[in-house]
Amino acid sequence: MVRPSELCAGLQAVPFSRATGLANGVSPRRLRAGDLTAPFHGIRQTLPVPEGIAWQCRAYRERMRPDAAFSHGTAARLLGLPLPL
């Protein structure tokens, strides 16, 4: 089995969009390799994926418009605020 090529330092251990990967010289085939996961459509991240809402939001932020923000329950959880059951 052939090991996938190394990603550039800026793409290791952080979520990145498919477009960012392609712009940094990552081939479409490499973006489909088994050592990457797709937490959201168009987003890739190296394995293992850290757990928790902060990492989920970090990954999803790559898809968001620049003027968008997390709000309501998501923002409260990010800030560690208590939420009703």
Protein backbone atom coordinates (compact mmCIF):
# COMPACT_ATOMS: atom_id res chain seq x y z
CA MET A 1 0.00 0.00 0.00
CA VAL A 2 1.33 3.41 -0.95
CA ARG A 3 1.45 6.05 1.79
CA PRO A 4 -0.20 9.37 0.89
CA SER A 5 2.20 12.26 0.33
CA GLU A 6 2.74 14.75 3.13
CA LEU A 7 0.58 17.85 3.17
CA CYS A 8 2.28 21.24 3.36
CA ALA A 9 2.81 22.49 6.91
CA GLY A 10 -0.06 24.99 6.71
CA LEU A 11 -2.61 22.24 6.08
CA GLN A 12 -1.52 19.72 8.70
CA ALA A 13 -3.70 19.32 11.80
CA VAL A 14 -6.14 22.06 10.76
CA PRO A 15 -9.35 21.89 8.76
CA PHE A 16 -9.08 23.31 5.24
CA SER A 17 -11.36 23.73 2.27
CA ARG A 18 -10.94 21.69 -0.88
CA ALA A 19 -10.23 24.94 -2.73
CA THR A 20 -7.46 25.83 -0.27
CA GLY A 21 -5.93 22.40 -0.69
CA LEU A 22 -5.97 22.66 -4.47
CA ALA A 23 -4.49 26.18 -4.31
CA ASN A 24 -1.63 24.78 -2.17
CA GLY A 25 -0.78 22.10 -4.72
CA VAL A 26 -2.71 19.18 -3.21
CA SER A 27 -4.05 16.93 -5.96
CA PRO A 28 -7.73 15.92 -6.11
CA ARG A 29 -6.63 12.31 -5.58
CA ARG A 30 -4.69 13.26 -2.44
CA LEU A 31 -7.79 15.03 -1.09
CA ARG A 32 -9.61 11.66 -1.26
CA ALA A 33 -6.88 9.74 0.61
CA GLY A 34 -7.80 7.69 3.65
CA ASP A 35 -5.82 9.78 6.12
CA LEU A 36 -8.15 12.74 5.55
CA THR A 37 -11.72 13.02 6.71
CA ALA A 38 -14.51 15.30 5.52
CA PRO A 39 -16.26 16.73 8.59
CA PHE A 40 -18.40 18.88 6.26
CA HIS A 41 -18.92 19.00 2.50
CA GLY A 42 -15.86 20.55 0.87
CA ILE A 43 -13.79 20.48 4.07
CA ARG A 44 -10.87 18.13 4.73
CA GLN A 45 -8.98 17.44 7.93
CA THR A 46 -6.20 15.05 8.89
CA LEU A 47 -6.97 12.17 11.21
CA PRO A 48 -7.44 11.87 14.13
CA VAL A 49 -10.06 14.59 14.49
CA PRO A 50 -10.19 16.27 17.90
CA GLU A 51 -13.54 16.09 19.63
CA GLY A 52 -15.58 19.00 20.89
CA ILE A 53 -17.65 21.84 19.62
CA ALA A 54 -14.67 24.18 19.25
CA TRP A 55 -13.08 21.90 16.63
CA GLN A 56 -16.42 21.37 14.87
CA CYS A 57 -16.87 25.13 14.64
CA ARG A 58 -13.27 25.58 13.45
CA ALA A 59 -13.94 23.12 10.63
CA TYR A 60 -17.29 24.65 9.70
CA ARG A 61 -15.81 28.17 9.74
CA GLU A 62 -13.96 27.22 6.53
CA ARG A 63 -17.37 27.01 4.81
CA MET A 64 -18.92 30.12 6.29
CA ARG A 65 -19.26 33.47 4.58
CA PRO A 66 -16.93 36.15 5.98
CA ASP A 67 -19.87 38.07 7.47
CA ALA A 68 -21.37 35.01 9.23
CA ALA A 69 -20.98 34.16 12.91
CA PHE A 70 -21.94 31.46 15.36
CA SER A 71 -24.84 32.51 17.56
CA HIS A 72 -27.42 31.40 20.08
CA GLY A 73 -26.81 27.93 21.57
CA THR A 74 -23.60 27.38 19.62
CA ALA A 75 -22.08 30.65 20.83
CA ALA A 76 -23.16 29.90 24.40
CA ARG A 77 -21.50 26.47 24.28
CA LEU A 78 -18.31 27.95 22.82
CA LEU A 79 -18.19 30.44 25.69
CA GLY A 80 -18.94 27.77 28.30
CA LEU A 81 -22.22 29.40 29.34
CA PRO A 82 -24.89 27.28 31.03
CA LEU A 83 -27.80 26.21 28.85
CA PRO A 84 -31.25 25.01 29.92
CA LEU A 85 -31.91 21.30 29.56
